[in-house]
Structure formats: C-alpha cells, structure tokens
Amino acid sequence: MELSVKPKDSIKGEIKVPGDKSISHRAVIFGALARGVTKVHGFLPGEDTWRTVECFRKMGIDIQREQDLVVIEGKGLKGLQEPEDVLDAGNSGTTARLLMGLLAGNPFYSVITGDLSLKKRPMDRVVEPLKKMGAVVYGRQGANLLPLTVMGGNLKGIDYLSPVASAQVKSALLLAGLYAQGTTAVTEPYLSRDHTERMMKHFGINIKKGENRVEVEGFPEIEGKKIEVPGDFSSAAYFMVAASLLPGSSLRILKVGVNPTRTGLLEVLKEMGANITLEKERIENEEPVADIKIGYAPLKGVEIKGDVIPRLIDEIPVLAVAASLAEGETVIREASELRVKESDRIDTMEKELKKMGAKIRGLPDGLVIEGTGELKGAVCESHGDHRIAMAAAVAGLAARGETIIKGSDCINISFPEFPKTLKSL
C-alpha cells in the first residue's frame, strides 16, 4: 500500500486523534484482571491493541466491541485460563512484554510469539528480572528472542534497579508483582511512562511512588471500572509538528492525553520556538487531559538528551522532520533505544530524510541534523514502521513536490485514520 502526500501551505481546523495506545493496552489488561465489568470508551482500534484483546480472549476472557466501546468481563487475578494456542503479539512489543509479566504469575504453560520484526527485538530486559522473581522462561538466544515459553507461578517480590528507563520493563514487573509474595519494587534511572501506575490507582490497587521508584503488594482485590481513553499524544505529535512548520497554520487537537511522562515533545518544541498552548486542562481516570492549540512559528535547532529522552522516544522520528526544517543544528543523544524499535529508527530516519534533501547523520545513540529550511518530495519506504511512515508524511506536507510512502499500511498499527485526517485539513 502507498500513501501519496502533496505539499500544503497551511493546516487549519479542529481534529481528534485516536485513543491512547498505551492506555488502551492497559485498560484491557486490568479489565481482565478485575472482577466484573470494565467499560472502555475511546479504545484505540489499532492492530497492536487488538493483539492484546485476542491474547486475553485465548485465556478465557470475554471482550466485546460496540463501536468505540470495549466491554470486558473480568474474572479476577486468578481467573485466566491456560491458552490452547500460541499467544501472538504481532508487531506489539507492549503486548509481548507486559503479557510476560502477567503470565509469569499464572500457574500454567504459555507461549508468546510475534511477527518477524518483533522476533528481532530484545526480551531479556524483561526476562532476567522475571527469572529473579521465580519465573521459568525458555526461548531463543537464552530467552532473549521470541517465541518464548513461560511457566508461571510461585513468584516472590524483588527490589529491582532497572538499567534502562522503560515503561514496558517496569509494567511487566509490576504486573508480575500482583501475583508475587511480598513487595515488588522497580527503580529507574529516569521516570518512564507511568500509565500502569495511574491505572493501578484508578482500579484501587495500593501502590507507593517515590522519585523514579514504584512498589506494589501482591494479590490485591480489583473491581471493574469505567475508563475514558484520551487521545494519543504520540498520534497528535505528527499534526503538532506539521502545524508548527507550515506558515499560516492554526490547529486545535481535542481531548489529548498530556501525561508529563509522555510530553517531552511539547517541551522540546517550545524550546525550538513553537507556538503551542494547552487549553481546558483536566484529570480523567487519573490521567491529565487537555486540548492542544498550535500555530505556525519558525523553529531553531536545539540539543536533546538526558531525562527528556524517555518522554519523547516515540516522537523522535517526527521531531527529526522538524529539525530538518529548523534554523541551525539539532543534536539528539542518549537515545540508543531507537535502534531496537519496530525498525532501527536512527538508520531509517537518516535514510529516508536524506532522500528528501535533509542534512542528517546518525550517531550510535542519536542523530545530528543541520536544518536546511527546505525538503523535496521523494519516494520513501516505511520499513514496516508506523512512526517512520507518518513522520515521512509530515515531511511530505512541507516538501516541494509529491511524496510517496511505500508500505504505509503499517500505519494501521496505531493510527488507522491517519490518511483520512491528513486529507481533511
């Protein structure tokens, strides 16, 4: 599938973006572990999130969809059944890694696999601490690569010092901690996304939080809840950057999740000179939500590193597009995590933006981008990575001439309505 993008002078109007992918995954997980009905409004109907739904259906959980509503009949912590078939996470690292934590606590046999891309992504960062809790895991390359076999049950809590700031690692261990004797604690070098902690609080689970640290006690009672999923900040990011780059633009994105562990891009764009404001700020289901208003502003290059990196790791591809059109040099460091995403996003962004005339150079842990002030249309490859495809589309809006993105069907992973929304502005 190909996506054709033609340049636009400006974008104006109001839009909504799909439900937050991270929160949608977790809503299904905690809804399944709770007793009774959980109703999820605004669920993201993307390929990744449906992988999570299908995995829980294979473990005996009834999940129904009614338009934008997902209804989950939870059976409690001990209500999951041994799956009769392999659990296929597809392209979703969140599904695979969070399910490993969950399965580690359940006394049955299970196998998790994924697509060709996911089978190349490292799993030992989750597997090793789960083994310390008492889980038995077998798999390729010493249980580093999918498919993985999990023999769960009889876990004990640990106090884990994570070498990386990773919401997936932290969440997997907290989910395992729900089934562990005693306390499970995770400390990170920087605070990663905290959607799991916030949803635990929403479901009444007693957690304790300190600076870059969270702990949970095993075997809580969990009751079903109603959940309103806000718009996905990562999906909004493409339009935030587009409106910042195109002169005369004025855009409002409604009901977006603005969790501070996710909004590093806001800080960086403002440092670059962007015209962005938050309106109608409020809290829904423990998550901060706001409308985001963006107008055009000339951008300048900046240096990006340190604790902001985990808070904008998924937005770096589209941030590289902004940097290509900014004045001066942008340097991104301490982002080696980009190399183990759906694609090696350092290599793929360097390759695709160079086709469009960008001055961009990859580093072992980031990128150096010299703003040229202009891009030209090109034929780009998605590399099977939804964020590369959408970043290339934003570049196409600001480029001279038509841009074609090949393999754009991967956009369905997180934002099926992206092409339609793009054309509506």
Protein backbone atom coordinates (compact mmCIF):
# COMPACT_ATOMS: atom_id res chain seq x y z
CA MET A 1 0.00 0.00 0.00
CA GLU A 2 1.20 3.50 -0.87
CA LEU A 3 0.31 6.87 0.67
CA SER A 4 0.60 9.94 -1.54
CA VAL A 5 1.22 13.28 0.21
CA LYS A 6 1.20 16.62 -1.56
CA PRO A 7 2.52 19.84 -0.04
CA LYS A 8 0.16 22.18 1.83
CA ASP A 9 0.57 25.89 2.52
CA SER A 10 -1.06 25.56 5.94
CA ILE A 11 -3.35 23.36 8.02
CA LYS A 12 -6.31 24.75 9.96
CA GLY A 13 -9.23 23.42 11.95
CA GLU A 14 -10.07 21.07 14.83
CA ILE A 15 -9.30 17.37 14.91
CA LYS A 16 -9.44 14.40 17.24
CA VAL A 17 -6.81 11.69 17.29
CA PRO A 18 -7.37 8.02 18.19
CA GLY A 19 -7.38 6.77 21.75
CA ASP A 20 -4.05 6.43 23.53
CA LYS A 21 -2.39 3.15 22.57
CA SER A 22 -0.58 2.63 25.87
CA ILE A 23 -3.72 3.26 27.91
CA SER A 24 -5.86 1.06 25.63
CA HIS A 25 -3.48 -1.90 26.14
CA ARG A 26 -3.56 -1.44 29.90
CA ALA A 27 -7.33 -0.99 30.04
CA VAL A 28 -7.75 -4.48 28.56
CA ILE A 29 -5.16 -5.99 30.91
CA PHE A 30 -6.58 -4.54 34.13
CA GLY A 31 -10.14 -5.06 32.97
CA ALA A 32 -9.37 -8.76 32.55
CA LEU A 33 -7.74 -8.98 35.99
CA ALA A 34 -10.61 -7.18 37.74
CA ARG A 35 -13.80 -8.84 38.91
CA GLY A 36 -16.88 -7.74 36.99
CA VAL A 37 -17.43 -5.49 34.01
CA THR A 38 -14.97 -2.87 32.77
CA LYS A 39 -16.22 -0.49 30.07
CA VAL A 40 -13.58 1.26 27.98
CA HIS A 41 -14.71 4.30 25.99
CA GLY A 42 -12.48 5.69 23.22
CA PHE A 43 -10.46 2.47 22.83
CA LEU A 44 -7.89 2.55 20.01
CA PRO A 45 -8.95 0.05 17.33
CA GLY A 46 -5.40 -0.44 16.04
CA GLU A 47 -3.62 -3.67 15.14
CA ASP A 48 -1.41 -3.56 18.26
CA THR A 49 -4.26 -3.18 20.72
CA TRP A 50 -6.35 -5.91 19.06
CA ARG A 51 -3.42 -8.27 19.56
CA THR A 52 -3.78 -7.71 23.30
CA VAL A 53 -7.55 -8.28 23.08
CA GLU A 54 -7.09 -11.55 21.16
CA CYS A 55 -4.49 -12.83 23.64
CA PHE A 56 -6.91 -12.35 26.54
CA ARG A 57 -9.73 -13.97 24.59
CA LYS A 58 -7.47 -17.02 24.22
CA MET A 59 -7.13 -17.01 28.01
CA GLY A 60 -10.89 -17.19 28.51
CA ILE A 61 -11.82 -13.51 28.89
CA ASP A 62 -14.99 -12.32 27.15
CA ILE A 63 -14.31 -9.00 25.38
CA GLN A 64 -16.92 -7.34 23.17
CA ARG A 65 -16.70 -4.26 20.95
CA GLU A 66 -19.62 -1.90 20.39
CA GLN A 67 -18.41 0.89 18.08
CA ASP A 68 -15.88 2.89 20.17
CA LEU A 69 -16.78 0.98 23.34
CA VAL A 70 -14.99 -2.17 24.54
CA VAL A 71 -16.65 -4.21 27.28
CA ILE A 72 -14.51 -6.66 29.29
CA GLU A 73 -15.94 -9.36 31.58
CA GLY A 74 -13.14 -9.68 34.12
CA LYS A 75 -12.61 -12.83 36.16
CA GLY A 76 -10.19 -11.60 38.82
CA LEU A 77 -6.46 -12.18 39.28
CA LYS A 78 -6.82 -15.96 39.27
CA GLY A 79 -9.40 -16.14 36.50
CA LEU A 80 -7.15 -16.58 33.46
CA GLN A 81 -7.13 -19.97 31.73
CA GLU A 82 -4.21 -21.76 30.10
CA PRO A 83 -4.35 -20.84 26.39
CA GLU A 84 -4.89 -23.70 23.96
CA ASP A 85 -2.83 -21.96 21.29
CA VAL A 86 0.22 -19.69 20.98
CA LEU A 87 -0.33 -16.06 22.02
CA ASP A 88 0.62 -13.92 19.00
CA ALA A 89 1.64 -10.34 19.84
CA GLY A 90 2.08 -9.42 16.16
CA ASN A 91 4.15 -6.23 15.98
CA SER A 92 3.34 -5.13 19.54
CA GLY A 93 6.25 -5.02 21.96
CA THR A 94 3.87 -3.74 24.64
CA THR A 95 1.66 -6.83 24.26
CA ALA A 96 4.60 -9.23 24.41
CA ARG A 97 6.49 -7.69 27.30
CA LEU A 98 3.52 -6.85 29.53
CA LEU A 99 1.98 -10.28 28.96
CA MET A 100 5.26 -11.91 30.00
CA GLY A 101 4.97 -10.23 33.39
CA LEU A 102 1.36 -11.29 33.71
CA LEU A 103 1.96 -14.88 32.57
CA ALA A 104 4.91 -15.23 34.92
CA GLY A 105 2.44 -15.14 37.81
CA ASN A 106 -0.06 -17.64 36.42
CA PRO A 107 0.47 -21.37 37.09
CA PHE A 108 0.13 -22.63 33.54
CA TYR A 109 2.09 -23.14 30.32
CA SER A 110 2.04 -20.46 27.61
CA VAL A 111 3.98 -19.46 24.51
CA ILE A 112 4.30 -15.89 23.18
CA THR A 113 5.40 -15.11 19.64
CA GLY A 114 5.27 -12.15 17.26
CA ASP A 115 5.89 -11.07 13.68
CA LEU A 116 9.33 -11.01 12.02
CA SER A 117 10.09 -7.54 13.39
CA LEU A 118 9.13 -8.35 16.97
CA LYS A 119 11.12 -11.60 16.86
CA LYS A 120 14.27 -9.46 16.46
CA ARG A 121 13.58 -7.20 19.45
CA PRO A 122 15.30 -7.93 22.80
CA MET A 123 13.23 -9.52 25.57
CA ASP A 124 15.98 -10.26 28.12
CA ARG A 125 15.45 -6.88 29.78
CA VAL A 126 12.11 -8.27 30.99
CA VAL A 127 13.01 -11.96 31.21
CA GLU A 128 16.02 -11.58 33.54
CA PRO A 129 14.21 -9.77 36.39
CA LEU A 130 11.20 -12.09 35.99
CA LYS A 131 13.55 -15.06 36.49
CA LYS A 132 14.78 -13.40 39.69
CA MET A 133 11.15 -13.37 40.85
CA GLY A 134 10.94 -17.12 40.23
CA ALA A 135 9.52 -17.32 36.69
CA VAL A 136 10.67 -20.07 34.34
CA VAL A 137 11.18 -18.79 30.77
CA TYR A 138 12.67 -20.60 27.76
CA GLY A 139 13.36 -19.23 24.31
CA ARG A 140 15.80 -18.38 21.54
CA GLN A 141 19.23 -16.93 22.38
CA GLY A 142 18.92 -17.71 26.08
CA ALA A 143 15.30 -16.48 26.25
CA ASN A 144 16.18 -13.12 24.66
CA LEU A 145 14.12 -13.52 21.48
CA LEU A 146 10.55 -14.62 20.72
CA PRO A 147 9.00 -17.17 20.65
CA LEU A 148 9.22 -17.56 24.44
CA THR A 149 7.74 -20.22 26.69
CA VAL A 150 6.60 -19.12 30.15
CA MET A 151 5.95 -21.50 33.04
CA GLY A 152 4.39 -19.27 35.67
CA GLY A 153 3.51 -19.25 39.36
CA ASN A 154 5.17 -19.10 42.81
CA LEU A 155 6.69 -15.64 42.43
CA LYS A 156 8.37 -13.62 45.14
CA GLY A 157 8.70 -9.85 45.18
CA ILE A 158 12.06 -8.26 44.38
CA ASP A 159 13.57 -4.78 44.61
CA TYR A 160 14.80 -4.22 41.05
CA LEU A 161 17.16 -1.47 39.90
CA SER A 162 16.50 -1.18 36.17
CA PRO A 163 19.46 -0.20 33.97
CA VAL A 164 17.05 1.43 31.48
CA ALA A 165 14.08 3.75 31.82
CA SER A 166 11.47 1.54 30.18
CA ALA A 167 7.73 1.59 30.84
CA GLN A 168 7.48 -1.91 29.37
CA VAL A 169 10.05 -3.35 31.78
CA LYS A 170 8.53 -1.54 34.75
CA SER A 171 4.97 -2.53 33.82
CA ALA A 172 5.88 -6.19 33.28
CA LEU A 173 7.43 -6.38 36.74
CA LEU A 174 4.52 -4.56 38.40
CA LEU A 175 2.07 -6.96 36.75
CA ALA A 176 4.15 -9.90 37.94
CA GLY A 177 4.20 -8.22 41.35
CA LEU A 178 0.41 -8.53 41.56
CA TYR A 179 0.99 -12.32 41.77
CA ALA A 180 4.11 -12.25 43.97
CA GLN A 181 4.51 -12.82 47.70
CA GLY A 182 5.55 -9.59 49.42
CA THR A 183 6.54 -6.31 47.79
CA THR A 184 7.78 -5.77 44.23
CA ALA A 185 9.67 -2.51 43.65
CA VAL A 186 11.20 -1.02 40.49
CA THR A 187 13.64 1.90 40.42
CA GLU A 188 14.63 3.55 37.10
CA PRO A 189 17.45 5.93 36.11
CA TYR A 190 14.76 8.29 34.79
CA LEU A 191 10.99 8.20 35.17
CA SER A 192 9.45 6.36 32.20
CA ARG A 193 5.78 6.45 31.21
CA ASP A 194 3.61 5.92 34.28
CA HIS A 195 0.31 4.82 32.68
CA THR A 196 0.47 1.49 34.53
CA GLU A 197 0.82 3.16 37.93
CA ARG A 198 -2.01 5.58 37.19
CA MET A 199 -4.31 2.79 36.02
CA MET A 200 -3.46 0.71 39.08
CA LYS A 201 -4.54 3.65 41.22
CA HIS A 202 -7.74 4.02 39.17
CA PHE A 203 -8.55 0.34 39.81
CA GLY A 204 -7.97 0.78 43.54
CA ILE A 205 -4.61 -1.03 43.74
CA ASN A 206 -2.43 0.32 46.54
CA ILE A 207 0.89 1.46 45.08
CA LYS A 208 3.66 3.57 46.58
CA LYS A 209 5.64 6.01 44.44
CA GLY A 210 8.92 7.77 45.12
CA GLU A 211 11.41 9.52 42.88
CA ASN A 212 11.80 7.20 39.85
CA ARG A 213 10.56 4.34 42.07
CA VAL A 214 7.28 2.44 42.43
CA GLU A 215 6.26 -0.55 44.54
CA VAL A 216 3.20 -2.78 44.79
CA GLU A 217 1.99 -5.54 47.12
CA GLY A 218 0.86 -8.89 45.80
CA PHE A 219 -2.68 -10.24 45.46
CA PRO A 220 -4.89 -7.13 45.68
CA GLU A 221 -8.65 -7.22 45.13
CA ILE A 222 -9.52 -5.48 41.84
CA GLU A 223 -13.02 -4.45 40.76
CA GLY A 224 -14.17 -3.49 37.25
CA LYS A 225 -14.21 0.23 36.34
CA LYS A 226 -15.27 2.66 33.63
CA ILE A 227 -12.37 4.10 31.62
CA GLU A 228 -12.31 7.10 29.27
CA VAL A 229 -9.28 6.82 26.99
CA PRO A 230 -7.88 10.24 25.95
CA GLY A 231 -6.41 10.95 22.52
CA ASP A 232 -2.92 9.55 21.97
CA PHE A 233 -0.23 12.23 22.38
CA SER A 234 2.08 10.32 20.04
CA SER A 235 -0.59 10.44 17.32
CA ALA A 236 -1.19 14.15 17.97
CA ALA A 237 2.55 14.78 17.61
CA TYR A 238 2.51 14.49 13.81
CA PHE A 239 -0.05 17.27 13.49
CA MET A 240 1.65 19.40 16.15
CA VAL A 241 4.85 19.34 14.11
CA ALA A 242 3.01 19.90 10.81
CA ALA A 243 1.17 22.97 12.13
CA SER A 244 4.43 24.33 13.57
CA LEU A 245 6.17 24.02 10.18
CA LEU A 246 3.51 25.31 7.76
CA PRO A 247 3.09 29.12 7.67
CA GLY A 248 -0.41 30.37 8.47
CA SER A 249 -1.42 27.19 10.30
CA SER A 250 -3.84 27.24 13.22
CA LEU A 251 -4.85 23.87 14.63
CA ARG A 252 -6.62 22.60 17.74
CA ILE A 253 -6.40 18.92 18.76
CA LEU A 254 -9.18 17.95 21.16
CA LYS A 255 -9.01 15.79 24.32
CA VAL A 256 -5.39 14.66 24.18
CA GLY A 257 -3.60 12.85 27.00
CA VAL A 258 -0.89 15.17 28.34
CA ASN A 259 0.68 12.87 30.91
CA PRO A 260 4.02 14.55 31.78
CA THR A 261 5.88 11.26 31.23
CA ARG A 262 4.77 11.46 27.58
CA THR A 263 5.01 15.16 26.71
CA GLY A 264 8.74 15.69 26.27
CA LEU A 265 7.99 16.76 22.68
CA LEU A 266 5.98 19.72 23.99
CA GLU A 267 8.98 20.93 25.97
CA VAL A 268 11.40 20.47 23.09
CA LEU A 269 9.15 22.14 20.50
CA LYS A 270 8.66 25.12 22.83
CA GLU A 271 12.45 25.32 23.29
CA MET A 272 12.72 25.34 19.48
CA GLY A 273 10.31 28.32 19.42
CA ALA A 274 6.98 26.62 18.69
CA ASN A 275 3.65 28.34 19.35
CA ILE A 276 1.80 25.71 21.43
CA THR A 277 -0.65 26.15 24.31
CA LEU A 278 -2.75 23.77 26.43
CA GLU A 279 -6.44 24.56 26.99
CA LYS A 280 -9.15 23.02 29.21
CA GLU A 281 -6.66 21.06 31.31
CA ARG A 282 -8.33 18.43 33.49
CA ILE A 283 -7.86 14.95 35.06
CA GLU A 284 -9.78 11.91 33.76
CA ASN A 285 -9.19 8.40 35.21
CA GLU A 286 -6.02 9.69 36.94
CA GLU A 287 -4.65 10.90 33.55
CA PRO A 288 -4.07 14.59 32.65
CA VAL A 289 -6.04 15.63 29.54
CA ALA A 290 -6.16 18.90 27.55
CA ASP A 291 -6.92 20.44 24.18
CA ILE A 292 -3.71 21.39 22.34
CA LYS A 293 -3.62 24.58 20.23
CA ILE A 294 -0.80 25.02 17.71
CA GLY A 295 0.09 27.88 15.39
CA TYR A 296 2.97 28.33 12.96
CA ALA A 297 6.28 29.57 14.34
CA PRO A 298 9.83 29.50 12.95
CA LEU A 299 11.88 26.84 14.73
CA LYS A 300 15.54 26.74 15.74
CA GLY A 301 17.84 23.80 16.46
CA VAL A 302 18.43 22.51 19.99
CA GLU A 303 20.33 19.80 21.87
CA ILE A 304 18.18 16.91 23.18
CA LYS A 305 19.43 14.40 25.75
CA GLY A 306 19.02 13.22 29.34
CA ASP A 307 15.77 12.64 31.19
CA VAL A 308 13.62 14.10 28.39
CA ILE A 309 14.54 11.20 26.06
CA PRO A 310 12.25 8.53 27.62
CA ARG A 311 9.42 11.11 27.49
CA LEU A 312 9.69 11.64 23.73
CA ILE A 313 11.28 8.43 22.43
CA ASP A 314 8.35 7.64 20.09
CA GLU A 315 8.21 11.21 18.79
CA ILE A 316 11.87 11.42 17.71
CA PRO A 317 11.13 10.43 14.07
CA VAL A 318 8.74 13.37 13.59
CA LEU A 319 10.99 15.61 15.69
CA ALA A 320 13.76 14.85 13.18
CA VAL A 321 11.47 16.24 10.47
CA ALA A 322 11.03 19.46 12.48
CA ALA A 323 14.80 19.69 12.98
CA SER A 324 15.38 19.30 9.22
CA LEU A 325 13.35 22.46 8.60
CA ALA A 326 14.58 24.42 11.63
CA GLU A 327 17.33 27.02 11.68
CA GLY A 328 20.66 25.67 12.91
CA GLU A 329 21.78 22.31 14.25
CA THR A 330 19.81 19.82 16.34
CA VAL A 331 21.67 17.07 18.20
CA ILE A 332 19.83 14.08 19.72
CA ARG A 333 21.86 11.88 22.10
CA GLU A 334 21.32 9.11 24.68
CA ALA A 335 18.55 7.62 22.51
CA SER A 336 20.06 4.23 21.65
CA GLU A 337 16.64 2.71 22.42
CA LEU A 338 15.67 3.91 18.91
CA ARG A 339 17.75 1.09 17.45
CA VAL A 340 15.51 -1.65 18.90
CA LYS A 341 12.08 -0.29 17.98
CA GLU A 342 9.90 -1.57 15.10
CA SER A 343 12.83 -0.56 12.91
CA ASP A 344 16.26 0.86 13.70
CA ARG A 345 14.82 4.37 13.75
CA ILE A 346 18.21 6.06 13.69
CA ASP A 347 19.14 4.36 10.42
CA THR A 348 15.69 4.54 8.85
CA MET A 349 15.14 8.25 9.57
CA GLU A 350 18.62 9.07 8.29
CA LYS A 351 17.99 7.10 5.10
CA GLU A 352 14.51 8.48 4.35
CA LEU A 353 15.16 12.13 5.21
CA LYS A 354 18.36 12.12 3.12
CA LYS A 355 16.17 11.17 0.14
CA MET A 356 14.28 14.41 0.78
CA GLY A 357 17.44 16.54 0.91
CA ALA A 358 17.94 16.70 4.67
CA LYS A 359 21.42 17.04 6.18
CA ILE A 360 21.22 14.27 8.78
CA ARG A 361 23.84 11.98 10.29
CA GLY A 362 23.30 9.00 12.57
CA LEU A 363 25.18 8.53 15.83
CA PRO A 364 25.41 5.30 17.85
CA ASP A 365 22.83 6.79 20.23
CA GLY A 366 21.09 9.51 18.22
CA LEU A 367 21.16 11.94 15.31
CA VAL A 368 22.80 15.18 14.19
CA ILE A 369 20.56 17.27 11.92
CA GLU A 370 21.54 20.52 10.21
CA GLY A 371 18.39 22.42 9.31
CA THR A 372 18.23 23.19 5.60
CA GLY A 373 14.95 25.12 5.63
CA GLU A 374 13.55 23.04 2.80
CA LEU A 375 12.85 19.46 1.73
CA LYS A 376 11.93 17.95 -1.61
CA GLY A 377 9.36 15.27 -2.32
CA ALA A 378 10.66 11.71 -2.68
CA VAL A 379 9.65 8.06 -2.74
CA CYS A 380 10.09 6.85 0.85
CA GLU A 381 9.92 3.43 2.50
CA SER A 382 8.10 2.80 5.77
CA HIS A 383 10.40 -0.09 6.75
CA GLY A 384 7.28 -1.63 8.27
CA ASP A 385 7.38 1.04 11.00
CA HIS A 386 4.23 3.12 11.54
CA ARG A 387 6.12 6.04 13.08
CA ILE A 388 8.58 6.26 10.17
CA ALA A 389 5.67 6.24 7.70
CA MET A 390 3.77 9.04 9.46
CA ALA A 391 6.92 11.13 10.00
CA ALA A 392 7.66 10.88 6.27
CA ALA A 393 4.08 12.02 5.56
CA VAL A 394 4.58 15.14 7.71
CA ALA A 395 7.82 15.84 5.85
CA GLY A 396 5.83 15.50 2.62
CA LEU A 397 3.40 18.23 3.71
CA ALA A 398 6.28 20.70 3.99
CA ALA A 399 8.31 19.47 0.98
CA ARG A 400 8.43 20.70 -2.62
CA GLY A 401 6.58 18.20 -4.83
CA GLU A 402 4.79 14.95 -4.13
CA THR A 403 5.97 12.40 -1.57
CA ILE A 404 5.09 8.70 -1.83
CA ILE A 405 5.34 6.45 1.22
CA LYS A 406 5.55 2.76 0.32
CA GLY A 407 4.33 0.14 2.78
CA SER A 408 2.07 2.67 4.50
CA ASP A 409 -0.39 0.00 5.66
CA CYS A 410 1.75 -0.33 8.82
CA ILE A 411 0.11 2.95 9.95
CA ASN A 412 -2.87 0.77 10.98
CA ILE A 413 -0.80 -0.37 13.95
CA SER A 414 -1.51 2.87 15.83
CA PHE A 415 -3.49 5.36 13.70
CA PRO A 416 -5.78 3.76 11.08
CA GLU A 417 -7.49 7.10 10.36
CA PHE A 418 -4.22 8.99 9.75
CA PRO A 419 -4.51 9.33 5.93
CA LYS A 420 -8.14 10.47 6.23
CA THR A 421 -7.31 13.00 8.97
CA LEU A 422 -4.37 14.28 6.94
CA LYS A 423 -6.55 14.92 3.89
CA SER A 424 -9.32 16.56 5.94
CA LEU A 425 -7.16 19.53 6.97
